[in-house]
PDB file of N, CA and C in Angstrom:
ATOM      1  N   UNK A   1     168.799-104.169-127.944  1.00  0.00           N
ATOM      2  CA  UNK A   1     168.846-105.497-127.729  1.00  0.00           C
ATOM      3  C   UNK A   1     170.098-105.288-126.175  1.00  0.00           C
ATOM      4  N   UNK A   2     170.520-104.346-126.244  1.00  0.00           N
ATOM      5  CA  UNK A   2     171.438-104.174-124.720  1.00  0.00           C
ATOM      6  C   UNK A   2     170.166-104.108-123.931  1.00  0.00           C
ATOM      7  N   UNK A   3     169.095-103.700-124.521  1.00  0.00           N
ATOM      8  CA  UNK A   3     168.281-102.941-122.712  1.00  0.00           C
ATOM      9  C   UNK A   3     167.567-104.493-122.731  1.00  0.00           C
ATOM     10  N   UNK A   4     167.220-105.055-123.224  1.00  0.00           N
ATOM     11  CA  UNK A   4     166.862-106.702-123.447  1.00  0.00           C
ATOM     12  C   UNK A   4     167.617-107.395-122.373  1.00  0.00           C
ATOM     13  N   UNK A   5     168.857-107.528-122.953  1.00  0.00           N
ATOM     14  CA  UNK A   5     169.927-107.984-121.893  1.00  0.00           C
ATOM     15  C   UNK A   5     169.967-107.676-120.500  1.00  0.00           C
ATOM     16  N   UNK A   6     170.157-106.132-120.383  1.00  0.00           N
ATOM     17  CA  UNK A   6     170.020-105.886-119.124  1.00  0.00           C
ATOM     18  C   UNK A   6     169.040-105.935-117.869  1.00  0.00           C
ATOM     19  N   UNK A   7     167.789-106.325-118.765  1.00  0.00           N
ATOM     20  CA  UNK A   7     166.671-106.384-118.302  1.00  0.00           C
ATOM     21  C   UNK A   7     166.470-108.107-117.526  1.00  0.00           C
ATOM     22  N   UNK A   8     166.831-108.650-118.518  1.00  0.00           N
ATOM     23  CA  UNK A   8     166.911-110.066-118.054  1.00  0.00           C
ATOM     24  C   UNK A   8     168.042-110.262-116.987  1.00  0.00           C
ATOM     25  N   UNK A   9     168.997-109.538-117.307  1.00  0.00           N
ATOM     26  CA  UNK A   9     170.237-110.324-116.181  1.00  0.00           C
ATOM     27  C   UNK A   9     169.423-109.240-115.087  1.00  0.00           C
ATOM     28  N   UNK A  10     169.223-107.993-114.862  1.00  0.00           N
ATOM     29  CA  UNK A  10     168.197-107.154-113.507  1.00  0.00           C
ATOM     30  C   UNK A  10     167.358-108.375-112.867  1.00  0.00           C
ATOM     31  N   UNK A  11     166.464-109.034-113.861  1.00  0.00           N
ATOM     32  CA  UNK A  11     165.164-110.062-113.164  1.00  0.00           C
ATOM     33  C   UNK A  11     166.135-110.990-112.388  1.00  0.00           C
ATOM     34  N   UNK A  12     166.944-111.764-113.257  1.00  0.00           N
ATOM     35  CA  UNK A  12     167.745-112.762-112.781  1.00  0.00           C
ATOM     36  C   UNK A  12     168.145-112.485-111.215  1.00  0.00           C
ATOM     37  N   UNK A  13     169.181-111.649-111.351  1.00  0.00           N
ATOM     38  CA  UNK A  13     169.924-110.716-110.110  1.00  0.00           C
ATOM     39  C   UNK A  13     168.599-110.796-108.957  1.00  0.00           C
ATOM     40  N   UNK A  14     167.666-110.147-109.313  1.00  0.00           N
ATOM     41  CA  UNK A  14     166.459-110.269-108.327  1.00  0.00           C
ATOM     42  C   UNK A  14     165.966-111.528-107.628  1.00  0.00           C
ATOM     43  N   UNK A  15     165.933-112.203-108.739  1.00  0.00           N
ATOM     44  CA  UNK A  15     165.096-113.451-108.378  1.00  0.00           C
ATOM     45  C   UNK A  15     166.167-114.362-107.413  1.00  0.00           C
ATOM     46  N   UNK A  16     167.397-114.454-107.801  1.00  0.00           N
ATOM     47  CA  UNK A  16     168.105-115.215-107.070  1.00  0.00           C
ATOM     48  C   UNK A  16     168.408-114.642-105.742  1.00  0.00           C
ATOM     49  N   UNK A  17     168.650-113.313-105.507  1.00  0.00           N
ATOM     50  CA  UNK A  17     168.722-112.691-104.278  1.00  0.00           C
ATOM     51  C   UNK A  17     167.382-112.883-103.190  1.00  0.00           C
ATOM     52  N   UNK A  18     166.310-112.971-103.972  1.00  0.00           N
ATOM     53  CA  UNK A  18     165.151-113.360-102.983  1.00  0.00           C
ATOM     54  C   UNK A  18     164.679-114.754-102.517  1.00  0.00           C
ATOM     55  N   UNK A  19     165.110-115.728-103.623  1.00  0.00           N
ATOM     56  CA  UNK A  19     165.217-117.180-103.419  1.00  0.00           C
ATOM     57  C   UNK A  19     166.087-117.534-102.540  1.00  0.00           C
ATOM     58  N   UNK A  20     167.229-117.089-102.649  1.00  0.00           N
ATOM     59  CA  UNK A  20     168.088-117.940-101.982  1.00  0.00           C
ATOM     60  C   UNK A  20     168.523-117.389-100.678  1.00  0.00           C
ATOM     61  N   UNK A  21     167.757-116.245 -99.975  1.00  0.00           N
ATOM     62  CA  UNK A  21     167.741-116.025 -98.698  1.00  0.00           C
ATOM     63  C   UNK A  21     166.949-116.466 -97.675  1.00  0.00           C
ATOM     64  N   UNK A  22     165.948-117.336 -98.444  1.00  0.00           N
ATOM     65  CA  UNK A  22     164.816-117.341 -97.566  1.00  0.00           C
ATOM     66  C   UNK A  22     165.148-118.453 -96.812  1.00  0.00           C
ATOM     67  N   UNK A  23     164.731-118.515 -95.437  1.00  0.00           N
ATOM     68  CA  UNK A  23     164.609-119.515 -94.496  1.00  0.00           C
ATOM     69  C   UNK A  23     163.706-120.324 -94.247  1.00  0.00           C
ATOM     70  N   UNK A  24     163.390-121.687 -94.154  1.00  0.00           N
ATOM     71  CA  UNK A  24     162.692-122.380 -94.320  1.00  0.00           C
ATOM     72  C   UNK A  24     162.206-122.292 -92.648  1.00  0.00           C
ATOM     73  N   UNK A  25     160.760-122.129 -92.680  1.00  0.00           N
ATOM     74  CA  UNK A  25     160.511-121.931 -91.212  1.00  0.00           C
ATOM     75  C   UNK A  25     160.036-123.794 -90.587  1.00  0.00           C
ATOM     76  N   UNK A  26     160.270-124.175 -89.241  1.00  0.00           N
ATOM     77  CA  UNK A  26     160.434-125.235 -88.722  1.00  0.00           C
ATOM     78  C   UNK A  26     158.564-125.189 -88.313  1.00  0.00           C
ATOM     79  N   UNK A  27     158.245-126.452 -88.275  1.00  0.00           N
ATOM     80  CA  UNK A  27     157.122-126.918 -87.422  1.00  0.00           C
ATOM     81  C   UNK A  27     157.456-127.195 -86.159  1.00  0.00           C
ATOM     82  N   UNK A  28     156.353-126.870 -85.284  1.00  0.00           N
ATOM     83  CA  UNK A  28     156.552-126.803 -83.432  1.00  0.00           C
ATOM     84  C   UNK A  28     157.300-128.630 -83.682  1.00  0.00           C
ATOM     85  N   UNK A  29     156.938-129.542 -84.362  1.00  0.00           N
ATOM     86  CA  UNK A  29     157.248-130.849 -84.125  1.00  0.00           C
ATOM     87  C   UNK A  29     158.504-131.086 -84.677  1.00  0.00           C
ATOM     88  N   UNK A  30     159.203-130.441 -85.491  1.00  0.00           N
ATOM     89  CA  UNK A  30     160.670-130.572 -86.060  1.00  0.00           C
ATOM     90  C   UNK A  30     161.152-129.607 -84.593  1.00  0.00           C
ATOM     91  N   UNK A  31     160.940-128.504 -84.171  1.00  0.00           N
ATOM     92  CA  UNK A  31     161.704-128.176 -82.794  1.00  0.00           C
ATOM     93  C   UNK A  31     161.913-128.904 -82.041  1.00  0.00           C
ATOM     94  N   UNK A  32     160.830-129.634 -81.412  1.00  0.00           N
ATOM     95  CA  UNK A  32     160.989-130.552 -80.387  1.00  0.00           C
ATOM     96  C   UNK A  32     161.839-131.398 -80.907  1.00  0.00           C
ATOM     97  N   UNK A  33     162.039-132.281 -81.960  1.00  0.00           N
ATOM     98  CA  UNK A  33     162.460-133.276 -82.224  1.00  0.00           C
ATOM     99  C   UNK A  33     164.069-132.770 -82.884  1.00  0.00           C
ATOM    100  N   UNK A  34     164.413-131.631 -82.897  1.00  0.00           N
ATOM    101  CA  UNK A  34     165.706-130.916 -82.879  1.00  0.00           C
ATOM    102  C   UNK A  34     166.272-131.313 -81.299  1.00  0.00           C
ATOM    103  N   UNK A  35     165.756-130.476 -80.672  1.00  0.00           N
ATOM    104  CA  UNK A  35     166.116-130.624 -79.278  1.00  0.00           C
ATOM    105  C   UNK A  35     165.989-131.697 -78.600  1.00  0.00           C
ATOM    106  N   UNK A  36     165.029-132.826 -78.461  1.00  0.00           N
ATOM    107  CA  UNK A  36     165.439-134.302 -78.052  1.00  0.00           C
ATOM    108  C   UNK A  36     166.878-134.599 -79.029  1.00  0.00           C
ATOM    109  N   UNK A  37     167.064-134.315 -80.011  1.00  0.00           N
ATOM    110  CA  UNK A  37     168.250-134.986 -80.614  1.00  0.00           C
ATOM    111  C   UNK A  37     169.536-134.152 -80.197  1.00  0.00           C
ATOM    112  N   UNK A  38     169.451-132.947 -79.949  1.00  0.00           N
ATOM    113  CA  UNK A  38     170.509-132.307 -79.191  1.00  0.00           C
ATOM    114  C   UNK A  38     170.564-132.771 -77.973  1.00  0.00           C
ATOM    115  N   UNK A  39     169.865-133.025 -77.096  1.00  0.00           N
ATOM    116  CA  UNK A  39     169.573-133.339 -75.718  1.00  0.00           C
ATOM    117  C   UNK A  39     170.592-134.939 -75.650  1.00  0.00           C
ATOM    118  N   UNK A  40     169.950-135.816 -76.545  1.00  0.00           N
ATOM    119  CA  UNK A  40     170.438-137.240 -76.534  1.00  0.00           C
ATOM    120  C   UNK A  40     172.127-137.000 -77.068  1.00  0.00           C
ATOM    121  N   UNK A  41     172.407-136.263 -78.019  1.00  0.00           N
ATOM    122  CA  UNK A  41     173.863-135.640 -78.480  1.00  0.00           C
ATOM    123  C   UNK A  41     174.602-135.490 -77.128  1.00  0.00           C
ATOM    124  N   UNK A  42     174.078-134.522 -76.187  1.00  0.00           N
ATOM    125  CA  UNK A  42     175.031-133.922 -75.383  1.00  0.00           C
ATOM    126  C   UNK A  42     174.668-134.978 -73.900  1.00  0.00           C
ATOM    127  N   UNK A  43     174.030-135.577 -73.942  1.00  0.00           N
ATOM    128  CA  UNK A  43     174.166-137.014 -73.318  1.00  0.00           C
ATOM    129  C   UNK A  43     174.991-138.017 -73.617  1.00  0.00           C
ATOM    130  N   UNK A  44     174.810-138.215 -74.571  1.00  0.00           N
ATOM    131  CA  UNK A  44     176.189-139.231 -75.225  1.00  0.00           C
ATOM    132  C   UNK A  44     177.347-138.906 -75.173  1.00  0.00           C
ATOM    133  N   UNK A  45     177.554-137.685 -75.378  1.00  0.00           N
ATOM    134  CA  UNK A  45     179.081-136.720 -75.230  1.00  0.00           C
ATOM    135  C   UNK A  45     179.475-136.796 -73.622  1.00  0.00           C
ATOM    136  N   UNK A  46     178.483-136.380 -72.952  1.00  0.00           N
ATOM    137  CA  UNK A  46     178.703-136.304 -71.172  1.00  0.00           C
ATOM    138  C   UNK A  46     179.322-137.868 -70.710  1.00  0.00           C
ATOM    139  N   UNK A  47     178.572-138.831 -71.673  1.00  0.00           N
ATOM    140  CA  UNK A  47     178.851-139.885 -71.028  1.00  0.00           C
ATOM    141  C   UNK A  47     180.537-140.640 -71.467  1.00  0.00           C
ATOM    142  N   UNK A  48     180.811-140.089 -72.771  1.00  0.00           N
ATOM    143  CA  UNK A  48     181.537-140.458 -73.388  1.00  0.00           C
ATOM    144  C   UNK A  48     183.292-139.908 -72.627  1.00  0.00           C
ATOM    145  N   UNK A  49     182.805-138.632 -71.916  1.00  0.00           N
ATOM    146  CA  UNK A  49     183.759-137.958 -71.276  1.00  0.00           C
ATOM    147  C   UNK A  49     184.018-138.103 -69.883  1.00  0.00           C
ATOM    148  N   UNK A  50     183.046-138.982 -69.113  1.00  0.00           N
ATOM    149  CA  UNK A  50     183.060-139.630 -68.215  1.00  0.00           C
ATOM    150  C   UNK A  50     183.708-140.689 -67.961  1.00  0.00           C
ATOM    151  N   UNK A  51     183.460-141.753 -69.262  1.00  0.00           N
ATOM    152  CA  UNK A  51     184.173-142.802 -69.293  1.00  0.00           C
ATOM    153  C   UNK A  51     185.475-142.577 -69.606  1.00  0.00           C
ATOM    154  N   UNK A  52     185.857-141.666 -70.510  1.00  0.00           N
ATOM    155  CA  UNK A  52     187.127-141.241 -70.550  1.00  0.00           C
ATOM    156  C   UNK A  52     188.395-140.900 -69.210  1.00  0.00           C
ATOM    157  N   UNK A  53     187.276-140.286 -68.278  1.00  0.00           N
ATOM    158  CA  UNK A  53     187.743-139.702 -67.026  1.00  0.00           C
ATOM    159  C   UNK A  53     188.018-140.972 -66.059  1.00  0.00           C
ATOM    160  N   UNK A  54     187.065-142.235 -66.000  1.00  0.00           N
ATOM    161  CA  UNK A  54     187.122-142.926 -65.296  1.00  0.00           C
ATOM    162  C   UNK A  54     188.551-144.250 -65.809  1.00  0.00           C
ATOM    163  N   UNK A  55     188.992-143.952 -66.661  1.00  0.00           N
ATOM    164  CA  UNK A  55     190.002-144.865 -67.214  1.00  0.00           C
ATOM    165  C   UNK A  55     191.196-144.578 -66.820  1.00  0.00           C
TER     166      UNK A  55
END
């Protein structure tokens, strides 16, 4: 009985380690979309800072 419980705990531990650490790969389109969003946010932030400086 103990061996079965230990085996199940071991298998559960190994499965969670390998599934929780997996990173999702982005497609080239997602990389481009992310870069465009970041650039848009940076431009918007710069515009806000300039507006604040002019006030």
